[in-house]
């Protein structure tokens, strides 16, 4: 169980850059068979939100924020093998960060969360060019595409990506998420069909379990007109 005391201890170590001790906490939780969903939501996501807020308030430097992010990403890699123990659903998702978006940790967490729920997840990382993601969608034929955006000023890039995907693959659902939407952009999303904003991992889990994906058995040939 991830208690408030344990969370605060972990956050303090994370902010101090104590990677080995953070890893020790995570490994101990894994040995105790903590629910992986809780590990992602109550430790990784929660602490990263706290780090981001401290940076926004100028209470920590950008270097310390980057260090905390890098440590968290290494810990996600530590946990990843445990995700593969879950029953597979046969569903597939492609997750990417928008072009010009260099913050990939949120997208990686989402991709892992799909794996936790039995999906085959393809995470393309930061700053994926639009032609590349279109080609990858055509190649892998996913049931769903997830796009992550952390910086609000990159919203125009995200919109271009949505329009490109929607123009070429009219049937596929698109999930959107990221801290950028704290500052706006949700109204712009309403004009794109089958495009959904996911505000949290809890919401994502509900959508994964309840959403019907119309992309099954559809033609993935890109539009040429």
Protein backbone atom coordinates (compact mmCIF):
# COMPACT_ATOMS: atom_id res chain seq x y z
CA UNK A 1 0.00 0.00 0.00
CA UNK A 2 1.25 3.46 -0.90
CA UNK A 3 0.65 5.51 2.23
CA UNK A 4 0.88 9.29 2.42
CA UNK A 5 4.08 8.92 4.43
CA UNK A 6 5.66 6.68 1.82
CA UNK A 7 4.61 9.01 -0.98
CA UNK A 8 6.15 12.01 0.76
CA UNK A 9 9.36 10.09 1.39
CA UNK A 10 9.53 9.08 -2.28
CA UNK A 11 8.80 12.64 -3.49
CA UNK A 12 11.53 14.05 -1.27
CA UNK A 13 14.06 11.54 -2.62
CA UNK A 14 12.92 12.21 -6.17
CA UNK A 15 13.42 15.95 -5.78
CA UNK A 16 16.88 15.34 -4.34
CA UNK A 17 17.83 13.17 -7.31
CA UNK A 18 18.32 10.04 -5.20
CA UNK A 19 17.64 7.54 -7.95
CA UNK A 20 18.87 4.41 -6.16
CA UNK A 21 16.70 5.08 -3.11
CA UNK A 22 13.66 5.80 -5.27
CA UNK A 23 14.29 2.51 -7.05
CA UNK A 24 14.56 0.78 -3.68
CA UNK A 25 11.08 2.00 -2.73
CA UNK A 26 9.62 0.84 -6.04
CA UNK A 27 11.30 -2.58 -5.82
CA UNK A 28 10.04 -3.03 -2.27
CA UNK A 29 6.50 -2.20 -3.39
CA UNK A 30 6.79 -4.70 -6.23
CA UNK A 31 7.99 -7.37 -3.78
CA UNK A 32 4.93 -6.58 -1.66
CA UNK A 33 2.76 -7.13 -4.76
CA UNK A 34 1.36 -3.61 -4.70
CA UNK A 35 -1.34 -3.11 -7.32
CA UNK A 36 0.45 -1.83 -10.42
CA UNK A 37 -2.39 0.58 -11.12
CA UNK A 38 -1.76 2.18 -7.75
CA UNK A 39 1.97 2.38 -8.44
CA UNK A 40 1.34 4.31 -11.65
CA UNK A 41 -1.41 6.56 -10.32
CA UNK A 42 -0.50 7.10 -6.67
CA UNK A 43 3.28 7.25 -6.96
CA UNK A 44 4.52 8.01 -10.48
CA UNK A 45 1.76 10.26 -11.80
CA UNK A 46 1.08 11.99 -8.49
CA UNK A 47 4.75 12.80 -7.86
CA UNK A 48 5.27 14.09 -11.41
CA UNK A 49 2.28 16.41 -11.05
CA UNK A 50 3.78 17.69 -7.79
CA UNK A 51 7.16 18.25 -9.46
CA UNK A 52 5.50 20.12 -12.32
CA UNK A 53 3.60 22.38 -9.93
CA UNK A 54 6.79 23.16 -7.99
CA UNK A 55 8.50 24.12 -11.23
CA UNK A 56 5.58 26.33 -12.29
CA UNK A 57 5.81 28.11 -8.93
CA UNK A 58 9.58 28.60 -9.40
CA UNK A 59 10.27 26.53 -6.30
CA UNK A 60 12.58 24.16 -8.17
CA UNK A 61 14.82 24.66 -11.19
CA UNK A 62 14.20 23.24 -14.63
CA UNK A 63 17.29 21.06 -14.10
CA UNK A 64 15.75 19.47 -11.03
CA UNK A 65 12.46 18.99 -12.87
CA UNK A 66 14.29 17.26 -15.71
CA UNK A 67 16.19 15.07 -13.25
CA UNK A 68 12.99 13.96 -11.52
CA UNK A 69 11.48 13.14 -14.91
CA UNK A 70 14.53 11.13 -15.98
CA UNK A 71 14.50 9.16 -12.73
CA UNK A 72 10.81 8.40 -13.13
CA UNK A 73 11.34 7.19 -16.68
CA UNK A 74 14.06 4.80 -15.49
CA UNK A 75 11.68 3.47 -12.83
CA UNK A 76 8.98 2.88 -15.45
CA UNK A 77 11.48 0.68 -17.29
CA UNK A 78 12.06 -1.16 -14.03
CA UNK A 79 8.36 -1.92 -13.64
CA UNK A 80 7.61 -2.68 -17.30
CA UNK A 81 8.28 -6.47 -17.24
CA UNK A 82 5.52 -6.85 -14.64
CA UNK A 83 3.00 -5.33 -17.05
CA UNK A 84 3.47 -8.19 -19.49
CA UNK A 85 2.08 -10.68 -16.98
CA UNK A 86 -1.46 -9.42 -17.63
CA UNK A 87 -3.95 -11.23 -19.86
CA UNK A 88 -3.83 -9.89 -23.40
CA UNK A 89 -7.00 -8.53 -25.01
CA UNK A 90 -5.81 -8.58 -28.62
CA UNK A 91 -6.26 -4.80 -28.82
CA UNK A 92 -3.52 -2.50 -30.11
CA UNK A 93 -2.79 1.18 -29.50
CA UNK A 94 -0.27 3.61 -30.96
CA UNK A 95 0.73 6.38 -28.53
CA UNK A 96 2.78 9.37 -29.58
CA UNK A 97 3.72 12.86 -28.53
CA UNK A 98 2.75 15.61 -30.94
CA UNK A 99 5.32 17.03 -33.33
CA UNK A 100 7.54 19.58 -31.53
CA UNK A 101 6.50 18.11 -28.17
CA UNK A 102 9.69 17.09 -26.33
CA UNK A 103 8.10 15.91 -23.07
CA UNK A 104 7.44 12.19 -23.41
CA UNK A 105 7.01 10.91 -19.86
CA UNK A 106 3.22 11.42 -19.84
CA UNK A 107 2.83 9.54 -23.10
CA UNK A 108 5.01 6.72 -21.84
CA UNK A 109 2.93 6.36 -18.69
CA UNK A 110 -0.24 6.18 -20.80
CA UNK A 111 1.32 3.59 -23.11
CA UNK A 112 2.33 1.49 -20.11
CA UNK A 113 -1.15 1.84 -18.65
CA UNK A 114 -2.60 0.33 -21.81
CA UNK A 115 -0.16 -2.59 -21.40
CA UNK A 116 -1.32 -2.93 -17.81
CA UNK A 117 -4.84 -3.38 -19.16
CA UNK A 118 -3.81 -6.06 -21.63
CA UNK A 119 -3.25 -4.01 -24.78
CA UNK A 120 -0.34 -4.22 -27.18
CA UNK A 121 1.10 -0.72 -26.91
CA UNK A 122 3.38 1.02 -29.42
CA UNK A 123 4.94 4.15 -27.94
CA UNK A 124 6.61 6.37 -30.55
CA UNK A 125 8.13 8.86 -28.12
CA UNK A 126 8.68 12.60 -28.31
CA UNK A 127 8.43 14.88 -31.34
CA UNK A 128 7.16 12.31 -33.83
CA UNK A 129 6.74 13.93 -37.29
CA UNK A 130 3.23 13.73 -38.74
CA UNK A 131 4.22 11.70 -41.87
CA UNK A 132 5.90 9.14 -39.60
CA UNK A 133 2.90 8.58 -37.36
CA UNK A 134 0.60 8.31 -40.40
CA UNK A 135 2.86 5.67 -41.91
CA UNK A 136 3.05 3.79 -38.63
CA UNK A 137 -0.73 3.76 -38.23
CA UNK A 138 -1.08 2.36 -41.73
CA UNK A 139 1.57 -0.28 -41.00
CA UNK A 140 0.38 -1.47 -37.58
CA UNK A 141 -3.41 -0.97 -37.94
CA UNK A 142 -4.15 -0.07 -34.30
CA UNK A 143 -7.57 -0.01 -32.66
CA UNK A 144 -6.82 3.40 -31.20
CA UNK A 145 -4.34 6.30 -31.42
CA UNK A 146 -3.32 8.26 -28.32
CA UNK A 147 -1.68 11.70 -28.55
CA UNK A 148 0.05 13.42 -25.64
CA UNK A 149 0.68 17.15 -25.25
CA UNK A 150 2.44 18.73 -22.28
CA UNK A 151 3.14 22.29 -23.46
CA UNK A 152 0.15 24.43 -24.44
CA UNK A 153 2.12 26.43 -27.00
CA UNK A 154 2.44 23.23 -29.05
CA UNK A 155 -1.35 23.04 -29.48
CA UNK A 156 -1.17 24.06 -33.19
CA UNK A 157 1.08 21.05 -33.85
CA UNK A 158 -1.40 18.76 -32.12
CA UNK A 159 -4.29 20.15 -34.16
CA UNK A 160 -2.38 19.58 -37.41
CA UNK A 161 -1.71 16.01 -36.31
CA UNK A 162 -5.34 15.35 -35.45
CA UNK A 163 -6.45 16.75 -38.80
CA UNK A 164 -3.91 14.62 -40.66
CA UNK A 165 -4.97 11.44 -38.86
CA UNK A 166 -8.65 12.20 -39.25
CA UNK A 167 -8.23 12.98 -42.97
CA UNK A 168 -6.40 9.74 -43.69
CA UNK A 169 -8.07 7.36 -41.23
CA UNK A 170 -11.64 8.52 -40.75
CA UNK A 171 -12.72 5.48 -38.76
CA UNK A 172 -10.09 5.41 -36.01
CA UNK A 173 -10.67 6.85 -32.54
CA UNK A 174 -8.16 9.34 -31.13
CA UNK A 175 -7.54 9.83 -27.42
CA UNK A 176 -5.91 13.06 -26.22
CA UNK A 177 -4.27 13.87 -22.91
CA UNK A 178 -1.57 15.84 -21.16
CA UNK A 179 -0.95 18.81 -18.92
CA UNK A 180 -1.30 21.27 -21.83
CA UNK A 181 -5.08 20.96 -21.59
CA UNK A 182 -5.02 22.58 -18.17
CA UNK A 183 -4.59 25.87 -20.03
CA UNK A 184 -7.21 25.34 -22.73
CA UNK A 185 -7.81 23.70 -26.07
CA UNK A 186 -10.73 21.45 -25.20
CA UNK A 187 -13.22 23.53 -27.18
CA UNK A 188 -11.08 23.11 -30.29
CA UNK A 189 -11.28 19.34 -29.95
CA UNK A 190 -15.07 19.27 -30.16
CA UNK A 191 -15.07 19.79 -33.92
CA UNK A 192 -13.19 16.55 -34.58
CA UNK A 193 -15.34 13.38 -34.59
CA UNK A 194 -14.25 10.31 -32.63
CA UNK A 195 -11.70 12.41 -30.75
CA UNK A 196 -11.81 12.17 -26.95
CA UNK A 197 -10.03 14.01 -24.14
CA UNK A 198 -8.83 11.80 -21.28
CA UNK A 199 -8.17 13.80 -18.14
CA UNK A 200 -6.60 11.15 -15.90
CA UNK A 201 -5.44 7.55 -15.72
CA UNK A 202 -8.65 6.72 -13.85
CA UNK A 203 -10.71 8.07 -16.74
CA UNK A 204 -8.49 6.22 -19.20
CA UNK A 205 -9.05 2.91 -17.42
CA UNK A 206 -12.83 3.37 -17.58
CA UNK A 207 -12.61 4.20 -21.28
CA UNK A 208 -10.37 1.21 -21.99
CA UNK A 209 -12.86 -1.14 -20.36
CA UNK A 210 -16.07 0.41 -21.69
CA UNK A 211 -15.25 2.03 -25.01
CA UNK A 212 -16.20 0.32 -28.27
CA UNK A 213 -13.56 0.85 -30.94
CA UNK A 214 -15.04 1.12 -34.44
CA UNK A 215 -11.68 0.61 -36.14
CA UNK A 216 -11.91 -3.17 -36.08
CA UNK A 217 -11.96 -4.82 -39.52
CA UNK A 218 -11.74 -1.45 -41.28
CA UNK A 219 -9.67 -0.48 -44.29
CA UNK A 220 -6.38 1.19 -43.31
CA UNK A 221 -5.44 2.43 -46.75
CA UNK A 222 -4.49 6.11 -46.52
CA UNK A 223 -6.65 8.60 -48.39
CA UNK A 224 -5.04 9.80 -51.64
CA UNK A 225 -7.35 12.67 -52.54
